[in-house]
PDB file of N, CA and C in Angstrom:
ATOM      1  N   MET A   1      10.242  11.501  42.371  1.00  0.00           N
ATOM      2  CA  MET A   1      11.592  11.058  42.078  1.00  0.00           C
ATOM      3  C   MET A   1      11.541   9.584  41.711  1.00  0.00           C
ATOM      4  N   ASN A   2      12.110   9.225  40.585  1.00  0.00           N
ATOM      5  CA  ASN A   2      12.048   7.807  40.227  1.00  0.00           C
ATOM      6  C   ASN A   2      13.127   7.015  40.967  1.00  0.00           C
ATOM      7  N   SER A   3      13.065   5.719  40.892  1.00  0.00           N
ATOM      8  CA  SER A   3      13.956   4.868  41.686  1.00  0.00           C
ATOM      9  C   SER A   3      15.423   5.009  41.278  1.00  0.00           C
ATOM     10  N   THR A   4      15.711   5.281  40.016  1.00  0.00           N
ATOM     11  CA  THR A   4      17.098   5.456  39.568  1.00  0.00           C
ATOM     12  C   THR A   4      17.699   6.712  40.188  1.00  0.00           C
ATOM     13  N   VAL A   5      16.957   7.793  40.203  1.00  0.00           N
ATOM     14  CA  VAL A   5      17.442   9.038  40.790  1.00  0.00           C
ATOM     15  C   VAL A   5      17.634   8.861  42.295  1.00  0.00           C
ATOM     16  N   LYS A   6      16.708   8.161  42.942  1.00  0.00           N
ATOM     17  CA  LYS A   6      16.843   7.899  44.372  1.00  0.00           C
ATOM     18  C   LYS A   6      18.092   7.070  44.648  1.00  0.00           C
ATOM     19  N   LEU A   7      18.347   6.100  43.822  1.00  0.00           N
ATOM     20  CA  LEU A   7      19.525   5.248  43.983  1.00  0.00           C
ATOM     21  C   LEU A   7      20.802   6.070  43.844  1.00  0.00           C
ATOM     22  N   PHE A   8      20.885   6.922  42.817  1.00  0.00           N
ATOM     23  CA  PHE A   8      22.060   7.762  42.626  1.00  0.00           C
ATOM     24  C   PHE A   8      22.234   8.750  43.788  1.00  0.00           C
ATOM     25  N   ALA A   9      21.135   9.298  44.267  1.00  0.00           N
ATOM     26  CA  ALA A   9      21.205  10.230  45.391  1.00  0.00           C
ATOM     27  C   ALA A   9      21.715   9.524  46.644  1.00  0.00           C
ATOM     28  N   ALA A  10      21.227   8.326  46.879  1.00  0.00           N
ATOM     29  CA  ALA A  10      21.673   7.551  48.037  1.00  0.00           C
ATOM     30  C   ALA A  10      23.151   7.186  47.911  1.00  0.00           C
ATOM     31  N   ALA A  11      23.573   6.804  46.707  1.00  0.00           N
ATOM     32  CA  ALA A  11      24.982   6.459  46.487  1.00  0.00           C
ATOM     33  C   ALA A  11      25.877   7.677  46.676  1.00  0.00           C
ATOM     34  N   ALA A  12      25.465   8.820  46.176  1.00  0.00           N
ATOM     35  CA  ALA A  12      26.249  10.052  46.326  1.00  0.00           C
ATOM     36  C   ALA A  12      26.374  10.426  47.794  1.00  0.00           C
ATOM     37  N   LEU A  13      25.287  10.299  48.541  1.00  0.00           N
ATOM     38  CA  LEU A  13      25.318  10.598  49.960  1.00  0.00           C
ATOM     39  C   LEU A  13      26.242   9.632  50.695  1.00  0.00           C
ATOM     40  N   ALA A  14      26.160   8.368  50.370  1.00  0.00           N
ATOM     41  CA  ALA A  14      27.016   7.363  51.005  1.00  0.00           C
ATOM     42  C   ALA A  14      28.483   7.632  50.719  1.00  0.00           C
ATOM     43  N   LEU A  15      28.802   7.995  49.492  1.00  0.00           N
ATOM     44  CA  LEU A  15      30.197   8.278  49.137  1.00  0.00           C
ATOM     45  C   LEU A  15      30.694   9.540  49.822  1.00  0.00           C
ATOM     46  N   SER A  16      29.864  10.542  49.939  1.00  0.00           N
ATOM     47  CA  SER A  16      30.303  11.784  50.581  1.00  0.00           C
ATOM     48  C   SER A  16      30.565  11.575  52.069  1.00  0.00           C
ATOM     49  N   VAL A  17      29.860  10.648  52.674  1.00  0.00           N
ATOM     50  CA  VAL A  17      30.075  10.337  54.085  1.00  0.00           C
ATOM     51  C   VAL A  17      31.262   9.400  54.248  1.00  0.00           C
ATOM     52  N   ALA A  18      31.419   8.443  53.363  1.00  0.00           N
ATOM     53  CA  ALA A  18      32.478   7.443  53.488  1.00  0.00           C
ATOM     54  C   ALA A  18      33.855   8.001  53.168  1.00  0.00           C
ATOM     55  N   ALA A  19      33.966   8.930  52.261  1.00  0.00           N
ATOM     56  CA  ALA A  19      35.279   9.446  51.860  1.00  0.00           C
ATOM     57  C   ALA A  19      36.041  10.061  53.023  1.00  0.00           C
ATOM     58  N   PRO A  20      35.438  10.957  53.817  1.00  0.00           N
ATOM     59  CA  PRO A  20      36.193  11.502  54.940  1.00  0.00           C
ATOM     60  C   PRO A  20      36.577  10.448  55.971  1.00  0.00           C
ATOM     61  N   LEU A  21      35.720   9.459  56.178  1.00  0.00           N
ATOM     62  CA  LEU A  21      36.045   8.411  57.133  1.00  0.00           C
ATOM     63  C   LEU A  21      37.244   7.603  56.673  1.00  0.00           C
ATOM     64  N   SER A  22      37.355   7.330  55.395  1.00  0.00           N
ATOM     65  CA  SER A  22      38.492   6.581  54.879  1.00  0.00           C
ATOM     66  C   SER A  22      39.777   7.365  55.060  1.00  0.00           C
ATOM     67  N   ALA A  23      39.738   8.644  54.780  1.00  0.00           N
ATOM     68  CA  ALA A  23      40.917   9.480  54.945  1.00  0.00           C
ATOM     69  C   ALA A  23      41.305   9.558  56.410  1.00  0.00           C
ATOM     70  N   GLU A  24      40.301   9.644  57.272  1.00  0.00           N
ATOM     71  CA  GLU A  24      40.574   9.713  58.700  1.00  0.00           C
ATOM     72  C   GLU A  24      41.221   8.435  59.194  1.00  0.00           C
ATOM     73  N   SER A  25      40.702   7.281  58.805  1.00  0.00           N
ATOM     74  CA  SER A  25      41.287   6.035  59.275  1.00  0.00           C
ATOM     75  C   SER A  25      42.657   5.800  58.655  1.00  0.00           C
ATOM     76  N   ALA A  26      42.892   6.298  57.446  1.00  0.00           N
ATOM     77  CA  ALA A  26      44.226   6.207  56.854  1.00  0.00           C
ATOM     78  C   ALA A  26      45.200   7.055  57.658  1.00  0.00           C
ATOM     79  N   GLY A  27      44.751   8.226  58.088  1.00  0.00           N
ATOM     80  CA  GLY A  27      45.591   9.083  58.925  1.00  0.00           C
ATOM     81  C   GLY A  27      45.888   8.440  60.266  1.00  0.00           C
ATOM     82  N   GLU A  28      44.895   7.802  60.855  1.00  0.00           N
ATOM     83  CA  GLU A  28      45.095   7.100  62.124  1.00  0.00           C
ATOM     84  C   GLU A  28      46.083   5.954  61.953  1.00  0.00           C
ATOM     85  N   THR A  29      45.991   5.242  60.838  1.00  0.00           N
ATOM     86  CA  THR A  29      46.909   4.141  60.566  1.00  0.00           C
ATOM     87  C   THR A  29      48.339   4.657  60.432  1.00  0.00           C
ATOM     88  N   MET A  30      48.502   5.778  59.742  1.00  0.00           N
ATOM     89  CA  MET A  30      49.832   6.364  59.589  1.00  0.00           C
ATOM     90  C   MET A  30      50.375   6.820  60.941  1.00  0.00           C
ATOM     91  N   LEU A  31      49.515   7.419  61.767  1.00  0.00           N
ATOM     92  CA  LEU A  31      49.934   7.864  63.093  1.00  0.00           C
ATOM     93  C   LEU A  31      50.333   6.669  63.945  1.00  0.00           C
ATOM     94  N   LEU A  32      49.538   5.611  63.927  1.00  0.00           N
ATOM     95  CA  LEU A  32      49.854   4.406  64.692  1.00  0.00           C
ATOM     96  C   LEU A  32      51.190   3.829  64.247  1.00  0.00           C
ATOM     97  N   SER A  33      51.430   3.779  62.958  1.00  0.00           N
ATOM     98  CA  SER A  33      52.689   3.251  62.440  1.00  0.00           C
ATOM     99  C   SER A  33      53.875   4.095  62.909  1.00  0.00           C
ATOM    100  N   ALA A  34      53.741   5.416  62.834  1.00  0.00           N
ATOM    101  CA  ALA A  34      54.817   6.309  63.270  1.00  0.00           C
ATOM    102  C   ALA A  34      55.072   6.162  64.765  1.00  0.00           C
ATOM    103  N   VAL A  35      53.999   6.069  65.548  1.00  0.00           N
ATOM    104  CA  VAL A  35      54.140   5.908  66.996  1.00  0.00           C
ATOM    105  C   VAL A  35      54.791   4.567  67.312  1.00  0.00           C
ATOM    106  N   MET A  36      54.396   3.520  66.612  1.00  0.00           N
ATOM    107  CA  MET A  36      55.003   2.203  66.840  1.00  0.00           C
ATOM    108  C   MET A  36      56.506   2.246  66.588  1.00  0.00           C
ATOM    109  N   ASN A  37      56.916   2.916  65.528  1.00  0.00           N
ATOM    110  CA  ASN A  37      58.347   3.032  65.228  1.00  0.00           C
ATOM    111  C   ASN A  37      59.087   3.762  66.345  1.00  0.00           C
ATOM    112  N   GLU A  38      58.515   4.857  66.814  1.00  0.00           N
ATOM    113  CA  GLU A  38      59.166   5.643  67.860  1.00  0.00           C
ATOM    114  C   GLU A  38      59.190   4.899  69.196  1.00  0.00           C
ATOM    115  N   VAL A  39      58.100   4.232  69.520  1.00  0.00           N
ATOM    116  CA  VAL A  39      58.040   3.465  70.766  1.00  0.00           C
ATOM    117  C   VAL A  39      59.054   2.329  70.723  1.00  0.00           C
ATOM    118  N   SER A  40      59.164   1.679  69.594  1.00  0.00           N
ATOM    119  CA  SER A  40      60.161   0.622  69.420  1.00  0.00           C
ATOM    120  C   SER A  40      61.570   1.184  69.567  1.00  0.00           C
ATOM    121  N   ARG A  41      61.797   2.363  68.989  1.00  0.00           N
ATOM    122  CA  ARG A  41      63.112   3.013  69.085  1.00  0.00           C
ATOM    123  C   ARG A  41      63.478   3.280  70.541  1.00  0.00           C
ATOM    124  N   LEU A  42      62.472   3.590  71.364  1.00  0.00           N
ATOM    125  CA  LEU A  42      62.705   3.841  72.780  1.00  0.00           C
ATOM    126  C   LEU A  42      62.897   2.555  73.578  1.00  0.00           C
ATOM    127  N   GLY A  43      62.693   1.412  72.937  1.00  0.00           N
ATOM    128  CA  GLY A  43      62.867   0.131  73.613  1.00  0.00           C
ATOM    129  C   GLY A  43      61.655  -0.320  74.395  1.00  0.00           C
ATOM    130  N   ILE A  44      60.485   0.168  74.026  1.00  0.00           N
ATOM    131  CA  ILE A  44      59.233  -0.204  74.698  1.00  0.00           C
ATOM    132  C   ILE A  44      58.500  -1.211  73.821  1.00  0.00           C
ATOM    133  N   GLU A  45      57.942  -2.220  74.457  1.00  0.00           N
ATOM    134  CA  GLU A  45      57.166  -3.246  73.751  1.00  0.00           C
ATOM    135  C   GLU A  45      55.961  -2.609  73.067  1.00  0.00           C
ATOM    136  N   THR A  46      55.744  -2.946  71.807  1.00  0.00           N
ATOM    137  CA  THR A  46      54.673  -2.317  71.021  1.00  0.00           C
ATOM    138  C   THR A  46      53.382  -3.126  70.966  1.00  0.00           C
ATOM    139  N   SER A  47      53.348  -4.300  71.569  1.00  0.00           N
ATOM    140  CA  SER A  47      52.164  -5.158  71.450  1.00  0.00           C
ATOM    141  C   SER A  47      50.908  -4.546  72.071  1.00  0.00           C
ATOM    142  N   SER A  48      51.056  -3.666  73.042  1.00  0.00           N
ATOM    143  CA  SER A  48      49.881  -3.098  73.707  1.00  0.00           C
ATOM    144  C   SER A  48      49.399  -1.804  73.053  1.00  0.00           C
ATOM    145  N   LEU A  49      50.015  -1.390  71.962  1.00  0.00           N
ATOM    146  CA  LEU A  49      49.623  -0.130  71.332  1.00  0.00           C
ATOM    147  C   LEU A  49      48.264  -0.200  70.660  1.00  0.00           C
ATOM    148  N   ASP A  50      47.790  -1.371  70.323  1.00  0.00           N
ATOM    149  CA  ASP A  50      46.483  -1.502  69.677  1.00  0.00           C
ATOM    150  C   ASP A  50      45.339  -1.048  70.585  1.00  0.00           C
ATOM    151  N   ASN A  51      45.577  -1.004  71.879  1.00  0.00           N
ATOM    152  CA  ASN A  51      44.543  -0.610  72.833  1.00  0.00           C
ATOM    153  C   ASN A  51      44.473   0.899  73.034  1.00  0.00           C
ATOM    154  N   LEU A  52      45.383   1.649  72.425  1.00  0.00           N
ATOM    155  CA  LEU A  52      45.442   3.087  72.653  1.00  0.00           C
ATOM    156  C   LEU A  52      44.365   3.828  71.861  1.00  0.00           C
ATOM    157  N   THR A  53      43.898   4.908  72.442  1.00  0.00           N
ATOM    158  CA  THR A  53      42.940   5.766  71.742  1.00  0.00           C
ATOM    159  C   THR A  53      43.706   6.722  70.833  1.00  0.00           C
ATOM    160  N   LEU A  54      42.985   7.416  70.001  1.00  0.00           N
ATOM    161  CA  LEU A  54      43.602   8.420  69.144  1.00  0.00           C
ATOM    162  C   LEU A  54      44.284   9.488  69.996  1.00  0.00           C
ATOM    163  N   ASN A  55      43.661   9.890  71.084  1.00  0.00           N
ATOM    164  CA  ASN A  55      44.273  10.877  71.987  1.00  0.00           C
ATOM    165  C   ASN A  55      45.580  10.363  72.572  1.00  0.00           C
ATOM    166  N   ASP A  56      45.612   9.068  72.929  1.00  0.00           N
ATOM    167  CA  ASP A  56      46.842   8.472  73.458  1.00  0.00           C
ATOM    168  C   ASP A  56      47.954   8.514  72.403  1.00  0.00           C
ATOM    169  N   LEU A  57      47.610   8.174  71.164  1.00  0.00           N
ATOM    170  CA  LEU A  57      48.600   8.181  70.087  1.00  0.00           C
ATOM    171  C   LEU A  57      49.150   9.585  69.854  1.00  0.00           C
ATOM    172  N   VAL A  58      48.268  10.569  69.887  1.00  0.00           N
ATOM    173  CA  VAL A  58      48.703  11.957  69.704  1.00  0.00           C
ATOM    174  C   VAL A  58      49.605  12.374  70.863  1.00  0.00           C
ATOM    175  N   SER A  59      49.250  11.975  72.072  1.00  0.00           N
ATOM    176  CA  SER A  59      50.090  12.295  73.237  1.00  0.00           C
ATOM    177  C   SER A  59      51.486  11.710  73.082  1.00  0.00           C
ATOM    178  N   ILE A  60      51.553  10.468  72.666  1.00  0.00           N
ATOM    179  CA  ILE A  60      52.858   9.816  72.483  1.00  0.00           C
ATOM    180  C   ILE A  60      53.641  10.497  71.371  1.00  0.00           C
ATOM    181  N   ALA A  61      52.977  10.810  70.271  1.00  0.00           N
ATOM    182  CA  ALA A  61      53.658  11.491  69.166  1.00  0.00           C
ATOM    183  C   ALA A  61      54.214  12.834  69.629  1.00  0.00           C
ATOM    184  N   THR A  62      53.469  13.545  70.451  1.00  0.00           N
ATOM    185  CA  THR A  62      53.929  14.832  70.976  1.00  0.00           C
ATOM    186  C   THR A  62      55.148  14.646  71.880  1.00  0.00           C
ATOM    187  N   ILE A  63      55.116  13.614  72.698  1.00  0.00           N
ATOM    188  CA  ILE A  63      56.233  13.338  73.609  1.00  0.00           C
ATOM    189  C   ILE A  63      57.507  13.043  72.827  1.00  0.00           C
ATOM    190  N   VAL A  64      57.417  12.152  71.842  1.00  0.00           N
ATOM    191  CA  VAL A  64      58.633  11.737  71.130  1.00  0.00           C
ATOM    192  C   VAL A  64      59.163  12.811  70.192  1.00  0.00           C
ATOM    193  N   ARG A  65      58.343  13.792  69.864  1.00  0.00           N
ATOM    194  CA  ARG A  65      58.811  14.901  69.030  1.00  0.00           C
ATOM    195  C   ARG A  65      59.348  16.054  69.866  1.00  0.00           C
ATOM    196  N   GLY A  66      59.266  15.907  71.180  1.00  0.00           N
ATOM    197  CA  GLY A  66      59.726  16.962  72.077  1.00  0.00           C
ATOM    198  C   GLY A  66      61.234  16.949  72.248  1.00  0.00           C
ATOM    199  N   ASP A  67      61.700  17.850  73.097  1.00  0.00           N
ATOM    200  CA  ASP A  67      63.131  18.018  73.321  1.00  0.00           C
ATOM    201  C   ASP A  67      63.654  17.284  74.549  1.00  0.00           C
ATOM    202  N   ASP A  68      62.784  16.536  75.227  1.00  0.00           N
ATOM    203  CA  ASP A  68      63.224  15.818  76.424  1.00  0.00           C
ATOM    204  C   ASP A  68      64.263  14.765  76.065  1.00  0.00           C
ATOM    205  N   PRO A  69      65.137  14.447  77.028  1.00  0.00           N
ATOM    206  CA  PRO A  69      66.085  13.348  76.802  1.00  0.00           C
ATOM    207  C   PRO A  69      65.332  12.028  76.574  1.00  0.00           C
ATOM    208  N   GLN A  70      65.990  11.087  75.941  1.00  0.00           N
ATOM    209  CA  GLN A  70      65.348   9.820  75.577  1.00  0.00           C
ATOM    210  C   GLN A  70      64.794   9.085  76.786  1.00  0.00           C
ATOM    211  N   ASP A  71      65.501   9.076  77.906  1.00  0.00           N
ATOM    212  CA  ASP A  71      64.999   8.363  79.082  1.00  0.00           C
ATOM    213  C   ASP A  71      63.722   9.007  79.638  1.00  0.00           C
ATOM    214  N   THR A  72      63.631  10.321  79.551  1.00  0.00           N
ATOM    215  CA  THR A  72      62.417  11.020  79.977  1.00  0.00           C
ATOM    216  C   THR A  72      61.268  10.724  79.020  1.00  0.00           C
ATOM    217  N   GLN A  73      61.548  10.724  77.718  1.00  0.00           N
ATOM    218  CA  GLN A  73      60.525  10.371  76.732  1.00  0.00           C
ATOM    219  C   GLN A  73      60.017   8.964  76.990  1.00  0.00           C
ATOM    220  N   LYS A  74      60.936   8.043  77.242  1.00  0.00           N
ATOM    221  CA  LYS A  74      60.553   6.644  77.485  1.00  0.00           C
ATOM    222  C   LYS A  74      59.632   6.539  78.695  1.00  0.00           C
ATOM    223  N   ARG A  75      59.971   7.243  79.777  1.00  0.00           N
ATOM    224  CA  ARG A  75      59.146   7.201  80.989  1.00  0.00           C
ATOM    225  C   ARG A  75      57.752   7.765  80.719  1.00  0.00           C
ATOM    226  N   LYS A  76      57.691   8.901  80.030  1.00  0.00           N
ATOM    227  CA  LYS A  76      56.402   9.534  79.735  1.00  0.00           C
ATOM    228  C   LYS A  76      55.540   8.676  78.808  1.00  0.00           C
ATOM    229  N   VAL A  77      56.159   8.096  77.784  1.00  0.00           N
ATOM    230  CA  VAL A  77      55.421   7.223  76.860  1.00  0.00           C
ATOM    231  C   VAL A  77      54.893   6.012  77.594  1.00  0.00           C
ATOM    232  N   GLN A  78      55.725   5.421  78.460  1.00  0.00           N
ATOM    233  CA  GLN A  78      55.285   4.243  79.226  1.00  0.00           C
ATOM    234  C   GLN A  78      54.115   4.600  80.129  1.00  0.00           C
ATOM    235  N   GLN A  79      54.114   5.823  80.684  1.00  0.00           N
ATOM    236  CA  GLN A  79      52.987   6.256  81.527  1.00  0.00           C
ATOM    237  C   GLN A  79      51.693   6.333  80.710  1.00  0.00           C
ATOM    238  N   VAL A  80      51.773   6.839  79.493  1.00  0.00           N
ATOM    239  CA  VAL A  80      50.571   6.909  78.620  1.00  0.00           C
ATOM    240  C   VAL A  80      50.062   5.507  78.327  1.00  0.00           C
ATOM    241  N   ILE A  81      50.974   4.613  77.988  1.00  0.00           N
ATOM    242  CA  ILE A  81      50.582   3.237  77.662  1.00  0.00           C
ATOM    243  C   ILE A  81      49.971   2.554  78.894  1.00  0.00           C
ATOM    244  N   ASP A  82      50.620   2.709  80.037  1.00  0.00           N
ATOM    245  CA  ASP A  82      50.123   2.073  81.261  1.00  0.00           C
ATOM    246  C   ASP A  82      48.738   2.595  81.661  1.00  0.00           C
ATOM    247  N   SER A  83      48.516   3.896  81.483  1.00  0.00           N
ATOM    248  CA  SER A  83      47.213   4.456  81.857  1.00  0.00           C
ATOM    249  C   SER A  83      46.098   4.015  80.921  1.00  0.00           C
ATOM    250  N   ALA A  84      46.460   3.615  79.712  1.00  0.00           N
ATOM    251  CA  ALA A  84      45.459   3.167  78.733  1.00  0.00           C
ATOM    252  C   ALA A  84      45.097   1.696  78.916  1.00  0.00           C
ATOM    253  N   ASN A  85      45.952   0.952  79.569  1.00  0.00           N
ATOM    254  CA  ASN A  85      45.712  -0.499  79.717  1.00  0.00           C
ATOM    255  C   ASN A  85      45.207  -0.865  81.066  1.00  0.00           C
TER     256      ASN A  85
END
C-alpha cells in the first residue's frame, strides 16, 4: 500500500469515528439546553448543571416531562442535582 492510500484510509477511518461522536455531543448539548430551560422554569439555579452526567440530564428531562405537579417536579429535580454535586 503506498503512502497516499494509507493516508486516505486513515482519514476515512478518522472521519467514520468522529462523525458519530459529533452527533452525540450535539445531542448532549441540545439535551443540556432543554434541561436548563426547564430547570430555570422551575425556579432552580442552573449554574450547577454543568456538573451533571448524561444520566442525570436524562433523569431530569424525564421528571419535567412527567405528569407530577410543578412543586413535585422541582423537588425531584433538586434531588438529582444535589446528588450529583
